[in-house]
Amino acid sequence: MTRPIASGRRRDRAYAGVPGWVMGVAAVGAAFVLLPLVAMVTRVNWAEFVPLVTSESSLDALGLSLRTSLTATALCVLLGVPMAVVLARTEFWGQRILRSLVLLPLVLPPVVGGIALLYTFGRRGLLGQGFEALGVTIAFSTTAVVLAQTFVALPFLVLSLEGALRTVGTRYEAVGATLGARPTTVLRRITLPLVVPALLSGAVLSFARALGEFGATLAFAGSLQGVTRTLPLEIYLQRETDPDAAVALSLVLVVVAVVVVAAAHQAGRSGGARLRGSS
């Protein structure tokens, strides 16, 4: 009885009967994504590429983007892990509403998020007035860049980690609790190690989203060279004055994004294999 089942499973894995029309539509979709990138590469001024991407303003923007994106990613991990654990492991009234609000930045126009942050942390904002009384200015500073990036990137980590937590289940945690482990110990020794690949994947995606953030940063932090002008803002400004520099910097951002997405995909594959092995 077991042999036919096993052979059936092998046939299922080997099945690749995708209709031809599906392949054709998929090819059109791939071309729709790839052709603009190819067109951009053809417009790069390769003779001046290095000077264009190593100018003072370009290096300032790239360095600022990397620093703020890494800081925003760290904040996403710090805030997102507890949020994902609460959403995946507890049940309470209004949980669905809370999840919708947490994921809202995924569909919210970034400039709207920037305006919301401005009215929260600006000089006359909900919390900004208190910070101003203490002599702390957040809006139009490097801190504002980090907050804007965190605001738009946080849902990526929460969504990735919550899904992994639900997939892995709770039986190992239940065994640890039965053996006398405290909730914090269960979280640290059992729960988080099981979803490390998903955590890494979510962190990488959050970094990529933070690195490419534009609208919320512009609305909340402005565009001051070396302070708030990240690489996307530099590209936008160069587009009006030096198109060659804008194309060169865009290529740099695309290369970084490809590397990040590839890393996230690899982490996701490792996480999927690990979760299947634990189920």
Protein backbone atom coordinates (compact mmCIF):
# COMPACT_ATOMS: atom_id res chain seq x y z
CA MET A 1 0.00 0.00 0.00
CA THR A 2 2.83 2.40 0.74
CA ARG A 3 4.67 1.97 -2.58
CA PRO A 4 1.90 3.36 -4.82
CA ILE A 5 1.55 6.35 -2.49
CA ALA A 6 5.28 7.04 -2.60
CA SER A 7 5.39 6.72 -6.38
CA GLY A 8 2.37 9.02 -6.63
CA ARG A 9 4.18 11.64 -4.58
CA ARG A 10 7.20 11.37 -6.84
CA ARG A 11 4.99 11.89 -9.89
CA ASP A 12 3.44 14.95 -8.22
CA ARG A 13 6.87 16.47 -7.65
CA ALA A 14 7.92 15.80 -11.25
CA TYR A 15 4.72 17.24 -12.77
CA ALA A 16 5.45 20.22 -14.94
CA GLY A 17 2.45 20.31 -17.29
CA VAL A 18 2.12 24.08 -17.48
CA PRO A 19 -0.12 25.18 -20.38
CA GLY A 20 1.66 26.94 -23.21
CA TRP A 21 -0.50 30.06 -22.94
CA VAL A 22 0.51 30.42 -19.28
CA MET A 23 4.17 30.32 -20.33
CA GLY A 24 3.47 32.99 -22.92
CA VAL A 25 1.76 35.35 -20.49
CA ALA A 26 4.55 34.75 -17.98
CA ALA A 27 7.10 35.70 -20.65
CA VAL A 28 5.21 38.94 -21.32
CA GLY A 29 5.18 39.71 -17.60
CA ALA A 30 8.92 39.06 -17.34
CA ALA A 31 9.58 41.31 -20.35
CA PHE A 32 7.44 44.03 -18.79
CA VAL A 33 9.77 44.02 -15.76
CA LEU A 34 13.09 43.47 -17.53
CA LEU A 35 12.80 45.73 -20.58
CA PRO A 36 12.75 49.02 -18.61
CA LEU A 37 15.87 47.89 -16.77
CA VAL A 38 17.56 47.01 -20.04
CA ALA A 39 16.54 50.38 -21.47
CA MET A 40 18.06 52.12 -18.46
CA VAL A 41 21.33 50.20 -18.82
CA THR A 42 21.58 51.27 -22.47
CA ARG A 43 21.40 54.92 -21.38
CA VAL A 44 24.25 54.70 -18.89
CA ASN A 45 27.23 56.90 -19.74
CA TRP A 46 29.84 54.23 -19.09
CA ALA A 47 32.75 56.56 -19.88
CA GLU A 48 31.75 58.82 -16.98
CA PHE A 49 30.14 56.18 -14.79
CA VAL A 50 32.75 56.11 -12.02
CA PRO A 51 33.02 59.92 -11.66
CA LEU A 52 29.23 60.21 -11.67
CA VAL A 53 28.67 57.71 -8.85
CA THR A 54 31.68 58.89 -6.80
CA SER A 55 30.87 62.60 -6.71
CA GLU A 56 30.59 64.18 -3.28
CA SER A 57 26.81 64.43 -3.36
CA SER A 58 26.43 60.86 -4.63
CA LEU A 59 28.70 59.37 -1.97
CA ASP A 60 26.97 61.41 0.74
CA ALA A 61 23.58 60.15 -0.42
CA LEU A 62 24.73 56.53 -0.69
CA GLY A 63 26.42 56.57 2.71
CA LEU A 64 23.41 58.18 4.36
CA SER A 65 21.04 55.67 2.74
CA LEU A 66 23.08 52.70 3.93
CA ARG A 67 23.40 54.03 7.49
CA THR A 68 19.76 54.98 7.89
CA SER A 69 18.50 51.79 6.22
CA LEU A 70 20.57 49.61 8.55
CA THR A 71 19.31 51.58 11.55
CA ALA A 72 15.72 51.32 10.32
CA THR A 73 16.15 47.57 9.82
CA ALA A 74 17.38 47.21 13.39
CA LEU A 75 14.30 49.13 14.59
CA CYS A 76 12.09 46.89 12.46
CA VAL A 77 13.55 43.81 14.15
CA LEU A 78 13.27 45.36 17.61
CA LEU A 79 9.63 46.35 17.13
CA GLY A 80 8.50 43.80 14.58
CA VAL A 81 9.46 40.57 16.34
CA PRO A 82 7.23 41.25 19.40
CA MET A 83 4.41 42.42 17.12
CA ALA A 84 4.61 39.26 15.00
CA VAL A 85 4.71 37.03 18.09
CA VAL A 86 1.64 38.73 19.58
CA LEU A 87 -0.31 38.48 16.32
CA ALA A 88 0.64 34.83 15.77
CA ARG A 89 0.44 33.47 19.30
CA THR A 90 -2.42 35.35 20.97
CA GLU A 91 -6.09 36.01 20.35
CA PHE A 92 -7.86 39.14 21.53
CA TRP A 93 -10.69 41.45 20.53
CA GLY A 94 -9.73 43.70 17.64
CA GLN A 95 -6.80 41.54 16.53
CA ARG A 96 -7.83 41.63 12.88
CA ILE A 97 -8.19 45.39 13.01
CA LEU A 98 -4.77 45.70 14.60
CA ARG A 99 -3.21 43.48 11.94
CA SER A 100 -4.80 45.59 9.22
CA LEU A 101 -3.41 48.77 10.76
CA VAL A 102 0.06 47.25 11.15
CA LEU A 103 0.07 46.29 7.47
CA LEU A 104 -1.47 49.58 6.33
CA PRO A 105 1.88 51.12 5.20
CA LEU A 106 2.05 48.39 2.54
CA VAL A 107 -0.83 50.00 0.64
CA LEU A 108 -0.65 53.56 1.96
CA PRO A 109 0.97 56.11 -0.40
CA PRO A 110 4.38 56.87 1.17
CA VAL A 111 3.81 60.62 1.03
CA VAL A 112 0.69 60.15 3.17
CA GLY A 113 2.79 58.26 5.69
CA GLY A 114 5.29 61.12 5.67
CA ILE A 115 2.56 63.66 6.37
CA ALA A 116 1.22 61.47 9.19
CA LEU A 117 4.70 61.29 10.72
CA LEU A 118 5.09 65.05 10.35
CA TYR A 119 1.89 65.67 12.31
CA THR A 120 3.08 63.23 14.94
CA PHE A 121 6.73 64.22 15.40
CA GLY A 122 6.81 67.69 13.84
CA ARG A 123 7.21 70.85 15.90
CA ARG A 124 3.44 71.21 16.23
CA GLY A 125 2.76 67.49 16.09
CA LEU A 126 1.05 65.22 18.57
CA LEU A 127 4.34 64.19 20.19
CA GLY A 128 6.62 66.72 18.59
CA GLN A 129 5.59 69.54 20.92
CA GLY A 130 6.79 67.52 23.90
CA PHE A 131 10.10 66.76 22.19
CA GLU A 132 10.51 70.45 21.28
CA ALA A 133 10.02 71.38 24.93
CA LEU A 134 12.95 69.09 25.73
CA GLY A 135 15.05 70.68 23.00
CA VAL A 136 14.79 67.70 20.65
CA THR A 137 13.90 68.31 17.01
CA ILE A 138 12.98 65.26 14.95
CA ALA A 139 11.39 66.51 11.73
CA PHE A 140 13.80 67.36 8.90
CA SER A 141 16.69 65.52 10.56
CA THR A 142 18.50 62.23 10.04
CA THR A 143 16.30 60.77 12.77
CA ALA A 144 13.27 61.64 10.66
CA VAL A 145 14.77 59.66 7.77
CA VAL A 146 15.14 56.60 10.00
CA LEU A 147 11.59 56.92 11.32
CA ALA A 148 10.15 57.30 7.81
CA GLN A 149 12.05 54.24 6.60
CA THR A 150 10.99 52.22 9.63
CA PHE A 151 7.35 53.21 9.14
CA VAL A 152 7.21 51.87 5.58
CA ALA A 153 9.49 48.83 6.12
CA LEU A 154 8.12 47.42 9.38
CA PRO A 155 5.16 45.55 7.80
CA PHE A 156 7.51 43.45 5.66
CA LEU A 157 9.17 41.96 8.71
CA VAL A 158 5.92 41.49 10.64
CA LEU A 159 4.20 39.79 7.71
CA SER A 160 7.12 37.46 7.00
CA LEU A 161 7.66 36.46 10.62
CA GLU A 162 3.99 36.05 11.53
CA GLY A 163 3.48 33.67 8.61
CA ALA A 164 6.48 31.60 9.67
CA LEU A 165 5.29 31.45 13.28
CA ARG A 166 1.88 30.20 12.21
CA THR A 167 3.44 27.63 9.89
CA VAL A 168 5.81 26.15 12.46
CA GLY A 169 3.03 25.69 14.99
CA THR A 170 3.21 25.59 18.77
CA ARG A 171 3.91 21.98 19.69
CA TYR A 172 7.60 22.50 20.48
CA GLU A 173 6.73 25.53 22.59
CA ALA A 174 4.10 23.48 24.42
CA VAL A 175 6.69 20.78 25.18
CA GLY A 176 9.10 23.39 26.53
CA ALA A 177 6.40 24.90 28.73
CA THR A 178 5.43 21.43 30.00
CA LEU A 179 9.05 20.87 31.03
CA GLY A 180 8.93 24.02 33.16
CA ALA A 181 10.47 26.64 30.84
CA ARG A 182 9.29 30.21 31.39
CA PRO A 183 7.60 32.04 28.48
CA THR A 184 10.69 34.18 27.89
CA THR A 185 12.88 31.07 27.82
CA VAL A 186 10.51 29.36 25.39
CA LEU A 187 10.60 32.40 23.13
CA ARG A 188 14.40 32.70 23.25
CA ARG A 189 15.36 29.01 23.13
CA ILE A 190 12.58 27.48 21.01
CA THR A 191 10.38 29.94 19.11
CA LEU A 192 12.94 32.32 17.63
CA PRO A 193 15.50 29.66 16.60
CA LEU A 194 12.77 27.90 14.60
CA VAL A 195 12.01 31.01 12.55
CA VAL A 196 15.49 32.50 12.14
CA PRO A 197 15.44 32.11 8.32
CA ALA A 198 12.09 33.93 8.12
CA LEU A 199 13.43 36.62 10.44
CA LEU A 200 16.48 37.08 8.21
CA SER A 201 14.31 37.17 5.09
CA GLY A 202 11.99 39.75 6.63
CA ALA A 203 14.94 41.86 7.78
CA VAL A 204 16.48 41.81 4.30
CA LEU A 205 13.18 42.83 2.70
CA SER A 206 12.79 45.60 5.28
CA PHE A 207 16.29 46.85 4.46
CA ALA A 208 15.47 46.86 0.75
CA ARG A 209 12.24 48.79 1.33
CA ALA A 210 14.00 51.29 3.58
CA LEU A 211 16.79 51.77 1.05
CA GLY A 212 14.30 52.63 -1.70
CA GLU A 213 12.04 54.87 0.39
CA PHE A 214 11.28 58.25 -1.19
CA GLY A 215 7.87 59.79 -0.53
CA ALA A 216 7.69 59.57 3.26
CA THR A 217 11.29 60.72 3.57
CA LEU A 218 10.72 63.77 1.39
CA ALA A 219 7.54 64.79 3.22
CA PHE A 220 8.88 64.23 6.74
CA ALA A 221 12.64 64.79 6.48
CA GLY A 222 13.15 67.05 3.48
CA SER A 223 16.26 66.97 1.29
CA LEU A 224 19.39 68.31 2.96
CA GLN A 225 22.67 67.02 1.58
CA GLY A 226 24.48 64.81 4.08
CA VAL A 227 21.58 65.05 6.54
CA THR A 228 18.35 63.83 4.94
CA ARG A 229 19.08 63.48 1.21
CA THR A 230 19.09 59.73 0.65
CA LEU A 231 20.02 58.05 -2.63
CA PRO A 232 16.44 58.03 -4.06
CA LEU A 233 16.15 61.76 -3.33
CA GLU A 234 19.54 62.39 -4.94
CA ILE A 235 18.42 60.50 -8.04
CA TYR A 236 15.23 62.58 -8.22
CA LEU A 237 17.15 65.85 -7.97
CA GLN A 238 19.83 64.79 -10.45
CA ARG A 239 17.14 63.83 -12.96
CA GLU A 240 16.42 67.54 -13.46
CA THR A 241 20.01 68.81 -13.61
CA ASP A 242 22.22 65.87 -14.65
CA PRO A 243 20.35 62.95 -16.30
CA ASP A 244 23.55 60.94 -16.72
CA ALA A 245 24.18 61.04 -12.98
CA ALA A 246 20.56 60.07 -12.29
CA VAL A 247 20.81 57.02 -14.57
CA ALA A 248 24.16 55.96 -13.09
CA LEU A 249 22.89 56.22 -9.53
CA SER A 250 19.69 54.40 -10.50
CA LEU A 251 21.81 51.52 -11.78
CA VAL A 252 23.68 51.40 -8.49
CA LEU A 253 20.39 51.23 -6.61
CA VAL A 254 19.11 48.49 -8.93
CA VAL A 255 22.25 46.39 -8.37
CA VAL A 256 21.93 46.75 -4.61
CA ALA A 257 18.23 45.83 -4.81
CA VAL A 258 18.97 42.72 -6.89
CA VAL A 259 21.55 41.55 -4.37
CA VAL A 260 19.14 42.16 -1.50
CA VAL A 261 16.23 40.39 -3.18
CA ALA A 262 18.46 37.42 -4.04
CA ALA A 263 19.56 37.20 -0.41
CA ALA A 264 15.95 37.37 0.78
CA HIS A 265 14.94 34.65 -1.70
CA GLN A 266 17.74 32.38 -0.52
CA ALA A 267 16.81 32.97 3.12
CA GLY A 268 13.18 32.27 2.27
CA ARG A 269 14.07 28.96 0.61
CA SER A 270 16.18 27.92 3.58
CA GLY A 271 13.38 28.95 5.93
CA GLY A 272 10.80 26.97 3.95
CA ALA A 273 12.94 23.84 4.03
CA ARG A 274 13.52 24.27 7.73
CA LEU A 275 9.84 24.76 8.50
CA ARG A 276 8.90 21.72 6.43
CA GLY A 277 11.48 19.69 8.28
CA SER A 278 10.04 20.72 11.65
CA SER A 279 6.44 19.93 10.65
